[in-house]
Amino acid sequence: MSGATPALPPSLFTNGSLSSPQNISKTDLNSFVKVSDPGGFKWRLVIAYDGTKFAGWQYQESPPTVQSMLEKALTQITKLQRKELHLVGAGRTDAGVHAWGQVAHFVTPFNYTTLDSIHAALNGLLPQDIRVREIGAAVPEFHARFSCRSKVYRYQIYSDTFMDPFQRHFAYHTAYKLNACKMREAAQHFVGKHDFSAFANATREDGVPDPLKTISRFDVIEMGSLLHLEVEGSGFMYRQVRNMVALLIQVGKEALDSDIVPMILETKDRRELAKYTLPAPPHGLCLLSVKYKEDHLQLPPDCPLTSFGRHHTITKCKLPFY
């Protein structure tokens, strides 16, 4: 890998386009890139996206997904093939689901001496509904998926007679006035270590997943007409959060009592939940954050500073006053 051609320096990208190749000098390349030892370098991304127009996170050639858009931008910047990047996300959000704190990692055979420029280049190439919030170096042990300790999801419900048009892409609307106290009581039955087979939809992608998950908290927060259902757990199975929320909505409507939760958990049968509710729609769901093992978040030696994006400043007004 030490003989690999270094990526073009990110500073050579302007408005998402590459500057003329004849203007690239060896000095320019060496100021941004150092060729690695065998094994390469690993980079951690924190990503926010509005999932409305995307078919989820997982790579597909068509329709567009968040991973495919990120890989397209990274291949342009690094000049590596997508299979060489090994981009991995912390979780596979469904079509229409949003994220504020999705985490991913990728690898390169070379090291950057600065990350501000590649950060700016990435956001310049990505569509406006995807933004890289942070990019930093990662130790070899770090893995976006397997180093995870817990994930935090938020589901938003707008409970009023009509929908706030500014919330329509990010909250589920119900004209029922939900009883938040009963929902809060029911949510506490999810806390702890349980077999969540009854709350998981079948999927062929993960084979036979482990149904035993630990929920550390499940909060129901009232903000006027807006309800935030915030859940943190060691992991979640396919559509588990949307299924749990759907049952809590029925409790909030007072169509069911809160003790329905332990009863359905005990059955370990998805068909039992289907007797009472369908999954909540995806657009109300957002992956807020992913928490990791502390030692896997250590910075490796001889690495560039983590980039949180650059602020522009004006030292002198360029427009005359009249």
C-alpha atoms as a PDB file:
ATOM      1  CA  MET A   1       0.000   0.000   0.000  1.00  0.00           C
ATOM      2  CA  SER A   2       2.995   2.303   0.479  1.00  0.00           C
ATOM      3  CA  GLY A   3       3.318   2.576  -3.303  1.00  0.00           C
ATOM      4  CA  ALA A   4      -0.241   3.847  -3.785  1.00  0.00           C
ATOM      5  CA  THR A   5      -0.733   7.155  -5.584  1.00  0.00           C
ATOM      6  CA  PRO A   6      -1.647   9.835  -3.019  1.00  0.00           C
ATOM      7  CA  ALA A   7      -4.998  11.568  -3.295  1.00  0.00           C
ATOM      8  CA  LEU A   8      -5.164  15.007  -4.812  1.00  0.00           C
ATOM      9  CA  PRO A   9      -5.016  17.603  -2.035  1.00  0.00           C
ATOM     10  CA  PRO A  10      -8.496  18.733  -1.019  1.00  0.00           C
ATOM     11  CA  SER A  11      -7.486  22.404  -1.444  1.00  0.00           C
ATOM     12  CA  LEU A  12      -7.508  21.828  -5.193  1.00  0.00           C
ATOM     13  CA  PHE A  13     -11.296  21.452  -5.181  1.00  0.00           C
ATOM     14  CA  THR A  14     -13.298  24.590  -5.911  1.00  0.00           C
ATOM     15  CA  ASN A  15     -17.104  24.551  -5.740  1.00  0.00           C
ATOM     16  CA  GLY A  16     -17.088  20.770  -6.105  1.00  0.00           C
ATOM     17  CA  SER A  17     -14.834  20.826  -9.209  1.00  0.00           C
ATOM     18  CA  LEU A  18     -11.202  19.846  -9.548  1.00  0.00           C
ATOM     19  CA  SER A  19      -8.714  22.527 -10.579  1.00  0.00           C
ATOM     20  CA  SER A  20      -6.641  22.040 -13.715  1.00  0.00           C
ATOM     21  CA  PRO A  21      -4.257  19.055 -13.306  1.00  0.00           C
ATOM     22  CA  GLN A  22      -1.282  20.973 -14.765  1.00  0.00           C
ATOM     23  CA  ASN A  23      -1.436  23.317 -11.768  1.00  0.00           C
ATOM     24  CA  ILE A  24      -0.746  20.469  -9.313  1.00  0.00           C
ATOM     25  CA  SER A  25       2.819  20.347  -8.068  1.00  0.00           C
ATOM     26  CA  LYS A  26       4.578  17.688  -6.036  1.00  0.00           C
ATOM     27  CA  THR A  27       5.089  20.280  -3.302  1.00  0.00           C
ATOM     28  CA  ASP A  28       1.311  20.836  -3.122  1.00  0.00           C
ATOM     29  CA  LEU A  29       0.691  17.095  -2.720  1.00  0.00           C
ATOM     30  CA  ASN A  30       3.304  16.619  -0.023  1.00  0.00           C
ATOM     31  CA  SER A  31       1.929  19.511   2.028  1.00  0.00           C
ATOM     32  CA  PHE A  32      -1.361  17.622   2.463  1.00  0.00           C
ATOM     33  CA  VAL A  33      -0.586  13.920   2.139  1.00  0.00           C
ATOM     34  CA  LYS A  34       1.865  11.439   3.603  1.00  0.00           C
ATOM     35  CA  VAL A  35       2.084   7.905   2.218  1.00  0.00           C
ATOM     36  CA  SER A  36       1.302   5.299   4.866  1.00  0.00           C
ATOM     37  CA  ASP A  37       2.852   2.119   6.099  1.00  0.00           C
ATOM     38  CA  PRO A  38       0.989  -1.099   5.153  1.00  0.00           C
ATOM     39  CA  GLY A  39      -2.424  -1.156   6.817  1.00  0.00           C
ATOM     40  CA  GLY A  40      -3.527   2.334   5.913  1.00  0.00           C
ATOM     41  CA  PHE A  41      -5.219   5.059   7.921  1.00  0.00           C
ATOM     42  CA  LYS A  42      -8.730   5.113   9.350  1.00  0.00           C
ATOM     43  CA  TRP A  43     -11.020   8.161   9.468  1.00  0.00           C
ATOM     44  CA  ARG A  44     -14.192   8.754  11.493  1.00  0.00           C
ATOM     45  CA  LEU A  45     -17.104  10.838  10.174  1.00  0.00           C
ATOM     46  CA  VAL A  46     -20.092  12.295  12.054  1.00  0.00           C
ATOM     47  CA  ILE A  47     -22.901  12.911   9.576  1.00  0.00           C
ATOM     48  CA  ALA A  48     -26.273  14.674   9.630  1.00  0.00           C
ATOM     49  CA  TYR A  49     -28.891  14.185   6.941  1.00  0.00           C
ATOM     50  CA  ASP A  50     -32.494  14.823   6.034  1.00  0.00           C
ATOM     51  CA  GLY A  51     -33.563  11.353   4.906  1.00  0.00           C
ATOM     52  CA  THR A  52     -36.703  12.482   3.052  1.00  0.00           C
ATOM     53  CA  LYS A  53     -35.327  11.952  -0.462  1.00  0.00           C
ATOM     54  CA  PHE A  54     -33.096   8.951   0.263  1.00  0.00           C
ATOM     55  CA  ALA A  55     -33.752   5.217   0.238  1.00  0.00           C
ATOM     56  CA  GLY A  56     -32.050   4.851   3.605  1.00  0.00           C
ATOM     57  CA  TRP A  57     -28.364   4.643   4.529  1.00  0.00           C
ATOM     58  CA  GLN A  58     -27.283   1.353   2.929  1.00  0.00           C
ATOM     59  CA  TYR A  59     -25.511   1.512  -0.444  1.00  0.00           C
ATOM     60  CA  GLN A  60     -27.585   1.018  -3.581  1.00  0.00           C
ATOM     61  CA  GLU A  61     -26.779   2.169  -7.093  1.00  0.00           C
ATOM     62  CA  SER A  62     -30.368   3.335  -7.559  1.00  0.00           C
ATOM     63  CA  PRO A  63     -32.339   4.922  -5.947  1.00  0.00           C
ATOM     64  CA  PRO A  64     -29.841   7.176  -4.113  1.00  0.00           C
ATOM     65  CA  THR A  65     -28.848   6.394  -0.539  1.00  0.00           C
ATOM     66  CA  VAL A  66     -26.805   8.380   1.974  1.00  0.00           C
ATOM     67  CA  GLN A  67     -23.902   5.919   1.813  1.00  0.00           C
ATOM     68  CA  SER A  68     -23.799   6.008  -1.995  1.00  0.00           C
ATOM     69  CA  MET A  69     -23.680   9.836  -1.990  1.00  0.00           C
ATOM     70  CA  LEU A  70     -20.867   9.856   0.577  1.00  0.00           C
ATOM     71  CA  GLU A  71     -18.891   7.261  -1.357  1.00  0.00           C
ATOM     72  CA  LYS A  72     -19.306   9.219  -4.572  1.00  0.00           C
ATOM     73  CA  ALA A  73     -17.858  12.333  -2.909  1.00  0.00           C
ATOM     74  CA  LEU A  74     -15.034  10.413  -1.224  1.00  0.00           C
ATOM     75  CA  THR A  75     -13.979   8.667  -4.441  1.00  0.00           C
ATOM     76  CA  GLN A  76     -13.736  12.047  -6.168  1.00  0.00           C
ATOM     77  CA  ILE A  77     -11.585  13.486  -3.382  1.00  0.00           C
ATOM     78  CA  THR A  78      -9.349  10.505  -2.606  1.00  0.00           C
ATOM     79  CA  LYS A  79      -9.184   8.991  -6.124  1.00  0.00           C
ATOM     80  CA  LEU A  80      -9.812   5.588  -4.504  1.00  0.00           C
ATOM     81  CA  GLN A  81     -12.458   3.064  -5.558  1.00  0.00           C
ATOM     82  CA  ARG A  82     -15.428   2.584  -3.233  1.00  0.00           C
ATOM     83  CA  LYS A  83     -14.236  -0.953  -2.389  1.00  0.00           C
ATOM     84  CA  GLU A  84     -10.886   0.495  -1.267  1.00  0.00           C
ATOM     85  CA  LEU A  85     -12.565   3.022   1.031  1.00  0.00           C
ATOM     86  CA  HIS A  86     -14.418   0.329   3.051  1.00  0.00           C
ATOM     87  CA  LEU A  87     -16.992   2.893   4.210  1.00  0.00           C
ATOM     88  CA  VAL A  88     -19.049   1.470   7.111  1.00  0.00           C
ATOM     89  CA  GLY A  89     -21.896   3.158   8.989  1.00  0.00           C
ATOM     90  CA  ALA A  90     -22.933   2.717  12.609  1.00  0.00           C
ATOM     91  CA  GLY A  91     -26.442   1.692  11.580  1.00  0.00           C
ATOM     92  CA  ARG A  92     -28.684   1.227   8.554  1.00  0.00           C
ATOM     93  CA  THR A  93     -31.386   3.860   8.823  1.00  0.00           C
ATOM     94  CA  ASP A  94     -34.488   3.128   6.723  1.00  0.00           C
ATOM     95  CA  ALA A  95     -35.829   5.149   3.804  1.00  0.00           C
ATOM     96  CA  GLY A  96     -37.153   8.472   5.086  1.00  0.00           C
ATOM     97  CA  VAL A  97     -35.378   8.270   8.460  1.00  0.00           C
ATOM     98  CA  HIS A  98     -33.155  11.214   9.436  1.00  0.00           C
ATOM     99  CA  ALA A  99     -29.891  11.508  11.377  1.00  0.00           C
ATOM    100  CA  TRP A 100     -28.096  14.163  13.363  1.00  0.00           C
ATOM    101  CA  GLY A 101     -25.288  11.942  14.648  1.00  0.00           C
ATOM    102  CA  GLN A 102     -24.775   9.041  12.228  1.00  0.00           C
ATOM    103  CA  VAL A 103     -21.173   7.798  12.413  1.00  0.00           C
ATOM    104  CA  ALA A 104     -19.128   6.120   9.701  1.00  0.00           C
ATOM    105  CA  HIS A 105     -15.506   5.251   9.038  1.00  0.00           C
ATOM    106  CA  PHE A 106     -13.403   4.796   5.915  1.00  0.00           C
ATOM    107  CA  VAL A 107      -9.754   3.973   5.210  1.00  0.00           C
ATOM    108  CA  THR A 108      -7.043   5.404   2.944  1.00  0.00           C
ATOM    109  CA  PRO A 109      -3.498   4.193   2.181  1.00  0.00           C
ATOM    110  CA  PHE A 110      -2.199   7.706   2.982  1.00  0.00           C
ATOM    111  CA  ASN A 111      -2.372  10.169   5.850  1.00  0.00           C
ATOM    112  CA  TYR A 112      -3.586  13.773   5.681  1.00  0.00           C
ATOM    113  CA  THR A 113      -1.660  16.461   7.541  1.00  0.00           C
ATOM    114  CA  THR A 114      -4.791  18.633   7.730  1.00  0.00           C
ATOM    115  CA  LEU A 115      -8.500  17.758   7.599  1.00  0.00           C
ATOM    116  CA  ASP A 116     -10.163  21.167   7.222  1.00  0.00           C
ATOM    117  CA  SER A 117      -9.791  21.133   3.441  1.00  0.00           C
ATOM    118  CA  ILE A 118     -11.076  17.588   2.889  1.00  0.00           C
ATOM    119  CA  HIS A 119     -13.976  18.444   5.231  1.00  0.00           C
ATOM    120  CA  ALA A 120     -14.854  21.500   3.140  1.00  0.00           C
ATOM    121  CA  ALA A 121     -14.462  19.510  -0.089  1.00  0.00           C
ATOM    122  CA  LEU A 122     -16.801  16.771   1.136  1.00  0.00           C
ATOM    123  CA  ASN A 123     -19.562  19.210   2.033  1.00  0.00           C
ATOM    124  CA  GLY A 124     -19.001  21.024  -1.245  1.00  0.00           C
ATOM    125  CA  LEU A 125     -19.626  17.833  -3.222  1.00  0.00           C
ATOM    126  CA  LEU A 126     -22.509  16.446  -1.138  1.00  0.00           C
ATOM    127  CA  PRO A 127     -26.130  17.502  -1.680  1.00  0.00           C
ATOM    128  CA  GLN A 128     -27.463  20.074   0.776  1.00  0.00           C
ATOM    129  CA  ASP A 129     -29.514  17.485   2.698  1.00  0.00           C
ATOM    130  CA  ILE A 130     -26.325  15.659   3.773  1.00  0.00           C
ATOM    131  CA  ARG A 131     -23.610  17.320   5.853  1.00  0.00           C
ATOM    132  CA  VAL A 132     -20.433  15.963   7.423  1.00  0.00           C
ATOM    133  CA  ARG A 133     -20.365  17.604  10.856  1.00  0.00           C
ATOM    134  CA  GLU A 134     -17.000  16.233  11.912  1.00  0.00           C
ATOM    135  CA  ILE A 135     -14.045  14.322  10.476  1.00  0.00           C
ATOM    136  CA  GLY A 136     -11.159  12.961  12.517  1.00  0.00           C
ATOM    137  CA  ALA A 137      -8.493  10.302  12.634  1.00  0.00           C
ATOM    138  CA  ALA A 138      -9.348   6.960  14.269  1.00  0.00           C
ATOM    139  CA  VAL A 139      -7.271   4.216  15.867  1.00  0.00           C
ATOM    140  CA  PRO A 140      -7.172   0.858  14.049  1.00  0.00           C
ATOM    141  CA  GLU A 141      -9.421  -0.688  16.721  1.00  0.00           C
ATOM    142  CA  PHE A 142     -12.255   1.756  16.018  1.00  0.00           C
ATOM    143  CA  HIS A 143     -15.190   0.381  14.036  1.00  0.00           C
ATOM    144  CA  ALA A 144     -18.258   2.534  13.393  1.00  0.00           C
ATOM    145  CA  ARG A 145     -20.580  -0.418  14.007  1.00  0.00           C
ATOM    146  CA  PHE A 146     -18.807  -2.869  16.322  1.00  0.00           C
ATOM    147  CA  SER A 147     -17.217  -0.315  18.697  1.00  0.00           C
ATOM    148  CA  CYS A 148     -20.662   1.094  19.523  1.00  0.00           C
ATOM    149  CA  ARG A 149     -21.822   1.070  23.178  1.00  0.00           C
ATOM    150  CA  SER A 150     -25.256   2.557  22.578  1.00  0.00           C
ATOM    151  CA  LYS A 151     -27.408   4.525  20.143  1.00  0.00           C
ATOM    152  CA  VAL A 152     -29.889   7.294  20.854  1.00  0.00           C
ATOM    153  CA  TYR A 153     -32.996   7.693  18.662  1.00  0.00           C
ATOM    154  CA  ARG A 154     -35.680  10.365  18.838  1.00  0.00           C
ATOM    155  CA  TYR A 155     -39.180  10.030  17.426  1.00  0.00           C
ATOM    156  CA  GLN A 156     -41.214  13.233  17.049  1.00  0.00           C
ATOM    157  CA  ILE A 157     -45.004  13.316  17.193  1.00  0.00           C
ATOM    158  CA  TYR A 158     -47.066  16.416  16.506  1.00  0.00           C
ATOM    159  CA  SER A 159     -50.295  16.083  18.491  1.00  0.00           C
ATOM    160  CA  ASP A 160     -52.809  18.736  17.446  1.00  0.00           C
ATOM    161  CA  THR A 161     -55.873  19.266  15.274  1.00  0.00           C
ATOM    162  CA  PHE A 162     -53.786  20.269  12.242  1.00  0.00           C
ATOM    163  CA  MET A 163     -50.167  19.717  11.273  1.00  0.00           C
ATOM    164  CA  ASP A 164     -47.547  22.438  11.602  1.00  0.00           C
ATOM    165  CA  PRO A 165     -46.310  22.719   7.978  1.00  0.00           C
ATOM    166  CA  PHE A 166     -42.758  23.361   9.194  1.00  0.00           C
ATOM    167  CA  GLN A 167     -42.757  19.998  11.006  1.00  0.00           C
ATOM    168  CA  ARG A 168     -44.299  17.878   8.263  1.00  0.00           C
ATOM    169  CA  HIS A 169     -41.041  16.224   7.136  1.00  0.00           C
ATOM    170  CA  PHE A 170     -39.747  15.542  10.660  1.00  0.00           C
ATOM    171  CA  ALA A 171     -42.740  14.632  12.840  1.00  0.00           C
ATOM    172  CA  TYR A 172     -45.671  12.239  12.650  1.00  0.00           C
ATOM    173  CA  HIS A 173     -49.020  14.004  12.924  1.00  0.00           C
ATOM    174  CA  THR A 174     -51.934  12.728  14.949  1.00  0.00           C
ATOM    175  CA  ALA A 175     -55.110  14.734  15.520  1.00  0.00           C
ATOM    176  CA  TYR A 176     -55.623  12.854  18.808  1.00  0.00           C
ATOM    177  CA  LYS A 177     -54.554  14.621  21.996  1.00  0.00           C
ATOM    178  CA  LEU A 178     -52.129  12.033  23.348  1.00  0.00           C
ATOM    179  CA  ASN A 179     -51.866  11.270  27.055  1.00  0.00           C
ATOM    180  CA  ALA A 180     -48.135  11.730  27.632  1.00  0.00           C
ATOM    181  CA  CYS A 181     -48.324  10.476  31.229  1.00  0.00           C
ATOM    182  CA  LYS A 182     -49.698   7.101  30.156  1.00  0.00           C
ATOM    183  CA  MET A 183     -47.122   6.904  27.341  1.00  0.00           C
ATOM    184  CA  ARG A 184     -44.350   7.629  29.837  1.00  0.00           C
ATOM    185  CA  GLU A 185     -45.631   4.889  32.129  1.00  0.00           C
ATOM    186  CA  ALA A 186     -45.789   2.382  29.263  1.00  0.00           C
ATOM    187  CA  ALA A 187     -42.316   3.359  27.969  1.00  0.00           C
ATOM    188  CA  GLN A 188     -40.726   2.341  31.269  1.00  0.00           C
ATOM    189  CA  HIS A 189     -41.724  -1.274  30.596  1.00  0.00           C
ATOM    190  CA  PHE A 190     -39.220  -1.271  27.710  1.00  0.00           C
ATOM    191  CA  VAL A 191     -36.322  -0.266  29.984  1.00  0.00           C
ATOM    192  CA  GLY A 192     -33.984  -3.112  30.886  1.00  0.00           C
ATOM    193  CA  LYS A 193     -32.757  -6.205  29.065  1.00  0.00           C
ATOM    194  CA  HIS A 194     -35.487  -7.943  27.064  1.00  0.00           C
ATOM    195  CA  ASP A 195     -36.071 -10.203  24.105  1.00  0.00           C
ATOM    196  CA  PHE A 196     -37.508  -7.769  21.523  1.00  0.00           C
ATOM    197  CA  SER A 197     -38.531 -10.393  18.956  1.00  0.00           C
ATOM    198  CA  ALA A 198     -42.140  -9.161  19.101  1.00  0.00           C
ATOM    199  CA  PHE A 199     -41.011  -5.642  18.080  1.00  0.00           C
ATOM    200  CA  ALA A 200     -38.724  -6.509  15.164  1.00  0.00           C
ATOM    201  CA  ASN A 201     -39.707  -6.877  11.522  1.00  0.00           C
ATOM    202  CA  ALA A 202     -38.121  -9.734   9.619  1.00  0.00           C
ATOM    203  CA  THR A 203     -35.118  -8.919   7.413  1.00  0.00           C
ATOM    204  CA  ARG A 204     -32.894 -11.085   5.266  1.00  0.00           C
ATOM    205  CA  GLU A 205     -29.878  -8.785   5.569  1.00  0.00           C
ATOM    206  CA  ASP A 206     -28.680  -9.670   9.051  1.00  0.00           C
ATOM    207  CA  GLY A 207     -29.365 -13.413   9.100  1.00  0.00           C
ATOM    208  CA  VAL A 208     -30.567 -14.321  12.599  1.00  0.00           C
ATOM    209  CA  PRO A 209     -30.051 -11.236  14.791  1.00  0.00           C
ATOM    210  CA  ASP A 210     -29.673 -11.396  18.563  1.00  0.00           C
ATOM    211  CA  PRO A 211     -33.093 -10.335  19.948  1.00  0.00           C
ATOM    212  CA  LEU A 212     -31.712  -9.584  23.420  1.00  0.00           C
ATOM    213  CA  LYS A 213     -31.247  -5.812  23.713  1.00  0.00           C
ATOM    214  CA  THR A 214     -30.801  -3.477  26.669  1.00  0.00           C
ATOM    215  CA  ILE A 215     -32.775  -0.222  26.809  1.00  0.00           C
ATOM    216  CA  SER A 216     -31.169   2.173  29.308  1.00  0.00           C
ATOM    217  CA  ARG A 217     -33.799   4.934  29.044  1.00  0.00           C
ATOM    218  CA  PHE A 218     -37.008   5.759  27.206  1.00  0.00           C
ATOM    219  CA  ASP A 219     -38.116   9.365  27.809  1.00  0.00           C
ATOM    220  CA  VAL A 220     -41.374  11.017  26.737  1.00  0.00           C
ATOM    221  CA  ILE A 221     -40.835  14.791  26.633  1.00  0.00           C
ATOM    222  CA  GLU A 222     -43.671  17.280  26.071  1.00  0.00           C
ATOM    223  CA  MET A 223     -42.890  20.478  24.147  1.00  0.00           C
ATOM    224  CA  GLY A 224     -46.306  22.018  23.571  1.00  0.00           C
ATOM    225  CA  SER A 225     -47.960  20.108  20.720  1.00  0.00           C
ATOM    226  CA  LEU A 226     -44.685  18.325  19.992  1.00  0.00           C
ATOM    227  CA  LEU A 227     -43.785  15.080  21.757  1.00  0.00           C
ATOM    228  CA  HIS A 228     -40.218  13.785  21.792  1.00  0.00           C
ATOM    229  CA  LEU A 229     -39.862  10.051  22.407  1.00  0.00           C
ATOM    230  CA  GLU A 230     -36.161   9.545  23.087  1.00  0.00           C
ATOM    231  CA  VAL A 231     -34.762   6.037  23.529  1.00  0.00           C
ATOM    232  CA  GLU A 232     -31.216   4.864  24.213  1.00  0.00           C
ATOM    233  CA  GLY A 233     -30.195   1.239  23.874  1.00  0.00           C
ATOM    234  CA  SER A 234     -27.311  -1.130  23.283  1.00  0.00           C
ATOM    235  CA  GLY A 235     -28.707  -1.841  19.835  1.00  0.00           C
ATOM    236  CA  PHE A 236     -31.952  -2.059  17.915  1.00  0.00           C
ATOM    237  CA  MET A 237     -33.349  -4.602  15.505  1.00  0.00           C
ATOM    238  CA  TYR A 238     -34.997  -3.808  12.196  1.00  0.00           C
ATOM    239  CA  ARG A 239     -37.840  -1.289  12.761  1.00  0.00           C
ATOM    240  CA  GLN A 240     -37.783  -1.939  16.505  1.00  0.00           C
ATOM    241  CA  VAL A 241     -37.954   1.749  17.472  1.00  0.00           C
ATOM    242  CA  ARG A 242     -40.835   2.486  15.085  1.00  0.00           C
ATOM    243  CA  ASN A 243     -42.746  -0.527  16.400  1.00  0.00           C
ATOM    244  CA  MET A 244     -42.246   0.485  20.041  1.00  0.00           C
ATOM    245  CA  VAL A 245     -43.355   4.038  19.253  1.00  0.00           C
ATOM    246  CA  ALA A 246     -46.444   2.774  17.407  1.00  0.00           C
ATOM    247  CA  LEU A 247     -47.602   0.877  20.479  1.00  0.00           C
ATOM    248  CA  LEU A 248     -46.957   3.895  22.719  1.00  0.00           C
ATOM    249  CA  ILE A 249     -49.123   6.021  20.411  1.00  0.00           C
ATOM    250  CA  GLN A 250     -52.020   3.590  20.938  1.00  0.00           C
ATOM    251  CA  VAL A 251     -51.470   3.881  24.696  1.00  0.00           C
ATOM    252  CA  GLY A 252     -51.380   7.682  24.338  1.00  0.00           C
ATOM    253  CA  LYS A 253     -54.732   7.573  22.557  1.00  0.00           C
ATOM    254  CA  GLU A 254     -55.962   5.565  25.583  1.00  0.00           C
ATOM    255  CA  ALA A 255     -56.970   2.730  23.258  1.00  0.00           C
ATOM    256  CA  LEU A 256     -54.676   0.395  25.241  1.00  0.00           C
ATOM    257  CA  ASP A 257     -53.408   0.206  28.823  1.00  0.00           C
ATOM    258  CA  SER A 258     -49.706   0.526  29.624  1.00  0.00           C
ATOM    259  CA  ASP A 259     -49.459  -3.122  30.717  1.00  0.00           C
ATOM    260  CA  ILE A 260     -49.860  -4.145  27.063  1.00  0.00           C
ATOM    261  CA  VAL A 261     -46.085  -3.642  26.685  1.00  0.00           C
ATOM    262  CA  PRO A 262     -44.880  -6.462  28.995  1.00  0.00           C
ATOM    263  CA  MET A 263     -47.639  -8.704  27.686  1.00  0.00           C
ATOM    264  CA  ILE A 264     -46.463  -8.362  24.066  1.00  0.00           C
ATOM    265  CA  LEU A 265     -42.794  -8.593  25.058  1.00  0.00           C
ATOM    266  CA  GLU A 266     -43.525 -11.897  26.741  1.00  0.00           C
ATOM    267  CA  THR A 267     -44.995 -13.423  23.557  1.00  0.00           C
ATOM    268  CA  LYS A 268     -41.758 -12.853  21.547  1.00  0.00           C
ATOM    269  CA  ASP A 269     -44.037 -12.947  18.512  1.00  0.00           C
ATOM    270  CA  ARG A 270     -44.221 -10.114  15.966  1.00  0.00           C
ATOM    271  CA  ARG A 271     -47.693 -11.280  14.928  1.00  0.00           C
ATOM    272  CA  GLU A 272     -49.010 -10.367  18.376  1.00  0.00           C
ATOM    273  CA  LEU A 273     -48.000  -6.724  17.978  1.00  0.00           C
ATOM    274  CA  ALA A 274     -49.584  -6.666  14.499  1.00  0.00           C
ATOM    275  CA  LYS A 275     -52.984  -7.258  16.130  1.00  0.00           C
ATOM    276  CA  TYR A 276     -52.781  -3.802  17.715  1.00  0.00           C
ATOM    277  CA  THR A 277     -50.771  -1.494  15.453  1.00  0.00           C
ATOM    278  CA  LEU A 278     -48.660  -0.935  12.345  1.00  0.00           C
ATOM    279  CA  PRO A 279     -45.126   0.547  12.513  1.00  0.00           C
ATOM    280  CA  ALA A 280     -44.967   4.308  12.992  1.00  0.00           C
ATOM    281  CA  PRO A 281     -43.998   6.166   9.775  1.00  0.00           C
ATOM    282  CA  PRO A 282     -40.256   6.661   9.165  1.00  0.00           C
ATOM    283  CA  HIS A 283     -40.175  10.463   8.807  1.00  0.00           C
ATOM    284  CA  GLY A 284     -40.645  11.060  12.550  1.00  0.00           C
ATOM    285  CA  LEU A 285     -37.489   9.121  13.424  1.00  0.00           C
ATOM    286  CA  CYS A 286     -33.972  10.537  13.810  1.00  0.00           C
ATOM    287  CA  LEU A 287     -30.697   8.888  14.858  1.00  0.00           C
ATOM    288  CA  LEU A 288     -29.460  11.467  17.378  1.00  0.00           C
ATOM    289  CA  SER A 289     -26.104  10.049  18.432  1.00  0.00           C
ATOM    290  CA  VAL A 290     -23.901   6.979  18.679  1.00  0.00           C
ATOM    291  CA  LYS A 291     -21.810   6.380  21.788  1.00  0.00           C
ATOM    292  CA  TYR A 292     -18.540   4.448  21.716  1.00  0.00           C
ATOM    293  CA  LYS A 293     -16.010   2.702  23.917  1.00  0.00           C
ATOM    294  CA  GLU A 294     -13.692   5.409  25.247  1.00  0.00           C
ATOM    295  CA  ASP A 295     -10.442   3.650  24.284  1.00  0.00           C
ATOM    296  CA  HIS A 296     -11.674   3.315  20.685  1.00  0.00           C
ATOM    297  CA  LEU A 297     -12.087   7.101  20.484  1.00  0.00           C
ATOM    298  CA  GLN A 298      -8.439   7.821  21.297  1.00  0.00           C
ATOM    299  CA  LEU A 299      -6.530   9.687  18.586  1.00  0.00           C
ATOM    300  CA  PRO A 300      -3.665   7.791  16.926  1.00  0.00           C
ATOM    301  CA  PRO A 301      -0.125   9.249  17.057  1.00  0.00           C
ATOM    302  CA  ASP A 302       1.057  11.643  14.341  1.00  0.00           C
ATOM    303  CA  CYS A 303      -2.498  12.463  13.220  1.00  0.00           C
ATOM    304  CA  PRO A 304      -4.029  15.759  12.055  1.00  0.00           C
ATOM    305  CA  LEU A 305      -6.402  17.733  14.259  1.00  0.00           C
ATOM    306  CA  THR A 306     -10.087  16.771  14.106  1.00  0.00           C
ATOM    307  CA  SER A 307     -12.051  19.102  11.838  1.00  0.00           C
ATOM    308  CA  PHE A 308     -15.367  20.561  12.971  1.00  0.00           C
ATOM    309  CA  GLY A 309     -15.589  22.877   9.959  1.00  0.00           C
ATOM    310  CA  ARG A 310     -14.105  26.288   9.397  1.00  0.00           C
ATOM    311  CA  HIS A 311     -15.702  29.587  10.408  1.00  0.00           C
ATOM    312  CA  HIS A 312     -15.293  32.497   8.044  1.00  0.00           C
ATOM    313  CA  THR A 313     -14.409  35.880   9.542  1.00  0.00           C
ATOM    314  CA  ILE A 314     -14.410  39.413   8.181  1.00  0.00           C
ATOM    315  CA  THR A 315     -11.742  41.775   9.502  1.00  0.00           C
ATOM    316  CA  LYS A 316     -12.807  44.766   7.422  1.00  0.00           C
ATOM    317  CA  CYS A 317     -16.047  45.656   5.730  1.00  0.00           C
ATOM    318  CA  LYS A 318     -15.558  45.633   1.962  1.00  0.00           C
ATOM    319  CA  LEU A 319     -18.720  47.624   1.180  1.00  0.00           C
ATOM    320  CA  PRO A 320     -18.607  51.408   1.460  1.00  0.00           C
ATOM    321  CA  PHE A 321     -21.090  53.167   3.714  1.00  0.00           C
ATOM    322  CA  TYR A 322     -23.054  56.116   2.419  1.00  0.00           C
END
